[in-house]
Amino acid sequence: MRRQHWRLYALGGGLGHLTRASALARAGVARGHAVELLTNSPFAPGLPLESLLGPGAVVHRLDARLDKPATVAAVTAWLTAAPCDVLVVDTFPRGLAGELAALLPTVRAPRVLVHRDLNPVYVERFDVARAVDAYEGLVVPGEDAPFAHHPRAVRTSPWLLLDADALLPREEARRRLGLDAGDRRPVVAVLGCGRPEEVVEAGAT
């Protein structure tokens, strides 16, 4: 298979966009492709994404505090910097700031939307059905979505960043967590929705 250049657009404030895009990036790198991932998740600066995704992955971290014009300018610069073989968008079909409505027609590579559930008010107000038609393919990973039955949509199982065989052995995991080898108390992982305030709340408990 020819080495391809993938671009993954994953703008959004939580962890969902970043997790799905990272899972796809990791799979692409494992198959020998060069992958660029664009994210503005407030969690991204603290995550070792490059080492997790592997050689061949480049992560562009936008400041989550950028205003709309600055975000649009950054996305435009990233999209027009060099051609790619495929563009995958994991956010709103029109882009986080609506910028993709104008930019997508300039992208000559196949465009794929990672489509998930959307607020029906947003779908109606911004004519999202028309925006969806700008994509050659829609991928619906796990949850239902308004355009899941689109003729170009493909439904998949949820995407996991790591499979079970990628988990560390129990002893190694406990060592990395700084737990005493003789301490047999169970470790409980508390997960949230990906909001920054949840990290603070979890640390305080």
Protein backbone atom coordinates (compact mmCIF):
# COMPACT_ATOMS: atom_id res chain seq x y z
CA MET A 1 0.00 0.00 0.00
CA ARG A 2 1.28 3.47 -0.89
CA ARG A 3 2.23 5.67 2.07
CA GLN A 4 -0.47 8.32 2.39
CA HIS A 5 -0.67 11.68 4.10
CA TRP A 6 -3.72 11.91 6.35
CA ARG A 7 -5.00 15.11 7.94
CA LEU A 8 -7.32 14.76 10.94
CA TYR A 9 -9.29 17.81 12.10
CA ALA A 10 -10.44 17.26 15.69
CA LEU A 11 -11.41 20.63 17.14
CA GLY A 12 -13.65 20.62 20.20
CA GLY A 13 -13.37 21.31 23.89
CA GLY A 14 -13.79 17.83 25.37
CA LEU A 15 -12.01 14.53 24.97
CA GLY A 16 -14.36 12.86 22.47
CA HIS A 17 -13.01 14.44 19.28
CA LEU A 18 -9.42 14.01 20.40
CA THR A 19 -9.89 10.39 21.50
CA ARG A 20 -11.55 9.31 18.25
CA ALA A 21 -9.02 11.16 16.10
CA SER A 22 -6.12 9.75 18.12
CA ALA A 23 -7.48 6.23 17.70
CA LEU A 24 -7.70 6.75 13.94
CA ALA A 25 -4.26 8.39 13.82
CA ARG A 26 -2.71 5.49 15.71
CA ALA A 27 -4.27 3.01 13.29
CA GLY A 28 -3.03 5.03 10.31
CA VAL A 29 0.52 5.28 11.63
CA ALA A 30 0.54 1.53 12.35
CA ARG A 31 -0.21 1.00 8.64
CA GLY A 32 2.70 3.20 7.60
CA HIS A 33 0.88 6.44 6.81
CA ALA A 34 1.95 9.96 7.76
CA VAL A 35 -0.72 11.55 9.94
CA GLU A 36 -1.27 15.14 11.06
CA LEU A 37 -3.76 15.77 13.85
CA LEU A 38 -5.14 19.23 14.61
CA THR A 39 -6.69 19.70 18.05
CA ASN A 40 -7.64 22.53 20.39
CA SER A 41 -8.64 20.34 23.31
CA PRO A 42 -7.56 21.95 26.60
CA PHE A 43 -6.30 18.50 27.62
CA ALA A 44 -3.95 18.10 24.63
CA PRO A 45 -0.97 20.09 26.00
CA GLY A 46 -0.65 17.67 28.92
CA LEU A 47 -0.94 14.45 26.90
CA PRO A 48 2.06 12.60 25.37
CA LEU A 49 0.20 12.15 22.10
CA GLU A 50 3.25 11.83 19.85
CA SER A 51 4.66 8.89 21.80
CA LEU A 52 1.21 7.29 21.98
CA LEU A 53 0.51 7.65 18.26
CA GLY A 54 3.97 6.60 17.14
CA PRO A 55 6.51 7.81 14.58
CA GLY A 56 4.85 9.33 11.56
CA ALA A 57 2.33 11.34 13.60
CA VAL A 58 2.49 15.10 14.01
CA VAL A 59 0.15 16.80 16.48
CA HIS A 60 -0.74 20.47 16.05
CA ARG A 61 -2.09 21.86 19.32
CA LEU A 62 -4.11 25.07 18.98
CA ASP A 63 -4.67 27.15 22.09
CA ALA A 64 -8.18 26.38 23.34
CA ARG A 65 -8.58 30.07 24.25
CA LEU A 66 -8.26 31.35 20.67
CA ASP A 67 -11.19 33.48 19.54
CA LYS A 68 -13.18 32.69 16.41
CA PRO A 69 -11.12 34.75 13.90
CA ALA A 70 -7.85 33.32 15.22
CA THR A 71 -9.23 29.77 15.10
CA VAL A 72 -10.43 30.25 11.51
CA ALA A 73 -7.03 31.67 10.52
CA ALA A 74 -5.19 28.75 12.12
CA VAL A 75 -7.42 26.15 10.45
CA THR A 76 -7.08 27.88 7.08
CA ALA A 77 -3.28 27.96 7.35
CA TRP A 78 -3.17 24.29 8.35
CA LEU A 79 -5.48 23.13 5.56
CA THR A 80 -3.74 25.10 2.84
CA ALA A 81 -0.15 24.41 3.93
CA ALA A 82 0.26 21.30 1.76
CA PRO A 83 -1.91 18.79 -0.09
CA CYS A 84 -3.00 15.58 1.62
CA ASP A 85 -4.43 12.25 0.50
CA VAL A 86 -7.46 12.35 2.80
CA LEU A 87 -9.04 14.85 5.19
CA VAL A 88 -10.98 13.45 8.14
CA VAL A 89 -13.16 15.87 10.12
CA ASP A 90 -14.26 14.96 13.65
CA THR A 91 -16.31 17.94 14.79
CA PHE A 92 -19.38 19.77 13.51
CA PRO A 93 -19.83 19.24 9.74
CA ARG A 94 -19.34 22.97 9.11
CA GLY A 95 -16.28 23.11 11.37
CA LEU A 96 -15.98 24.39 14.92
CA ALA A 97 -16.40 28.00 13.81
CA GLY A 98 -18.32 27.37 10.58
CA GLU A 99 -15.14 27.84 8.58
CA LEU A 100 -15.25 24.51 6.74
CA ALA A 101 -18.29 25.52 4.70
CA ALA A 102 -16.00 27.76 2.65
CA LEU A 103 -12.79 25.73 2.98
CA LEU A 104 -13.96 22.22 2.08
CA PRO A 105 -14.55 22.97 -1.63
CA THR A 106 -10.86 23.95 -1.90
CA VAL A 107 -9.68 20.58 -0.56
CA ARG A 108 -9.04 18.24 -3.48
CA ALA A 109 -8.49 15.14 -1.35
CA PRO A 110 -11.39 12.90 -0.32
CA ARG A 111 -13.23 14.38 2.67
CA VAL A 112 -14.60 12.13 5.41
CA LEU A 113 -16.84 13.21 8.29
CA VAL A 114 -16.79 11.36 11.60
CA HIS A 115 -20.47 11.86 12.29
CA ARG A 116 -21.97 11.70 15.76
CA ASP A 117 -25.13 12.91 17.47
CA LEU A 118 -26.01 16.56 16.86
CA ASN A 119 -28.50 18.94 18.42
CA PRO A 120 -31.56 19.06 16.11
CA VAL A 121 -31.75 22.85 16.54
CA TYR A 122 -28.20 23.15 15.18
CA VAL A 123 -29.01 20.79 12.32
CA GLU A 124 -32.01 22.88 11.27
CA ARG A 125 -30.57 26.33 11.87
CA PHE A 126 -27.35 25.84 9.93
CA ASP A 127 -28.66 23.59 7.12
CA VAL A 128 -26.35 20.79 8.20
CA ALA A 129 -27.83 18.43 5.60
CA ARG A 130 -26.21 20.56 2.91
CA ALA A 131 -22.91 20.66 4.81
CA VAL A 132 -22.90 16.87 5.10
CA ASP A 133 -23.19 16.56 1.32
CA ALA A 134 -19.74 18.17 1.00
CA TYR A 135 -18.19 14.92 2.29
CA GLU A 136 -17.45 11.88 0.16
CA GLY A 137 -17.94 9.63 3.17
CA LEU A 138 -19.52 9.63 6.63
CA VAL A 139 -18.36 7.31 9.41
CA VAL A 140 -20.72 6.78 12.35
CA PRO A 141 -18.71 5.25 15.22
CA GLY A 142 -21.00 3.75 17.83
CA GLU A 143 -23.74 6.21 18.70
CA ASP A 144 -26.69 7.06 16.49
CA ALA A 145 -26.59 10.30 14.52
CA PRO A 146 -29.02 12.39 12.41
CA PHE A 147 -27.48 11.36 9.07
CA ALA A 148 -26.59 7.77 9.99
CA HIS A 149 -28.74 6.55 7.07
CA HIS A 150 -27.11 8.85 4.52
CA PRO A 151 -26.24 6.84 1.37
CA ARG A 152 -22.53 7.50 1.96
CA ALA A 153 -22.61 6.66 5.69
CA VAL A 154 -20.86 3.65 7.20
CA ARG A 155 -21.58 2.58 10.77
CA THR A 156 -18.78 1.11 12.92
CA SER A 157 -18.29 -0.01 16.50
CA PRO A 158 -17.02 2.68 18.92
CA TRP A 159 -13.35 3.56 18.43
CA LEU A 160 -10.95 2.78 21.25
CA LEU A 161 -7.63 4.52 21.62
CA LEU A 162 -6.04 1.34 22.97
CA ASP A 163 -7.19 -2.24 22.59
CA ALA A 164 -7.02 -4.73 25.44
CA ASP A 165 -3.74 -6.17 24.13
CA ALA A 166 -2.13 -2.72 24.43
CA LEU A 167 -2.71 -2.53 28.18
CA LEU A 168 0.28 -2.89 30.46
CA PRO A 169 0.67 -6.02 32.58
CA ARG A 170 -0.82 -5.46 36.04
CA GLU A 171 2.57 -5.34 37.80
CA GLU A 172 3.98 -2.80 35.34
CA ALA A 173 0.86 -0.64 35.53
CA ARG A 174 1.01 -0.60 39.34
CA ARG A 175 4.72 0.29 39.21
CA ARG A 176 4.10 3.22 36.87
CA LEU A 177 1.31 4.45 39.11
CA GLY A 178 3.78 4.51 42.00
CA LEU A 179 2.04 1.79 44.00
CA ASP A 180 3.95 -0.40 46.43
CA ALA A 181 4.46 -3.93 45.10
CA GLY A 182 2.91 -5.37 48.24
CA ASP A 183 -0.13 -3.10 48.20
CA ARG A 184 -3.05 -5.20 46.99
CA ARG A 185 -5.76 -2.57 47.26
CA PRO A 186 -7.70 -2.20 44.00
CA VAL A 187 -7.18 0.87 41.83
CA VAL A 188 -10.39 2.68 40.91
CA ALA A 189 -10.44 4.90 37.81
CA VAL A 190 -13.00 7.72 37.91
CA LEU A 191 -13.97 8.96 34.45
CA GLY A 192 -15.98 11.97 33.37
CA CYS A 193 -17.27 13.70 30.26
CA GLY A 194 -14.05 15.51 29.36
CA ARG A 195 -14.73 18.86 31.01
CA PRO A 196 -11.68 20.62 32.53
CA GLU A 197 -13.49 21.25 35.80
CA GLU A 198 -13.89 17.50 36.26
CA VAL A 199 -10.13 17.14 36.51
CA VAL A 200 -10.09 19.65 39.37
CA GLU A 201 -13.02 17.93 41.07
CA ALA A 202 -11.40 14.50 40.77
CA GLY A 203 -8.15 15.79 42.23
CA ALA A 204 -9.97 17.25 45.22
CA THR A 205 -11.66 13.97 46.19
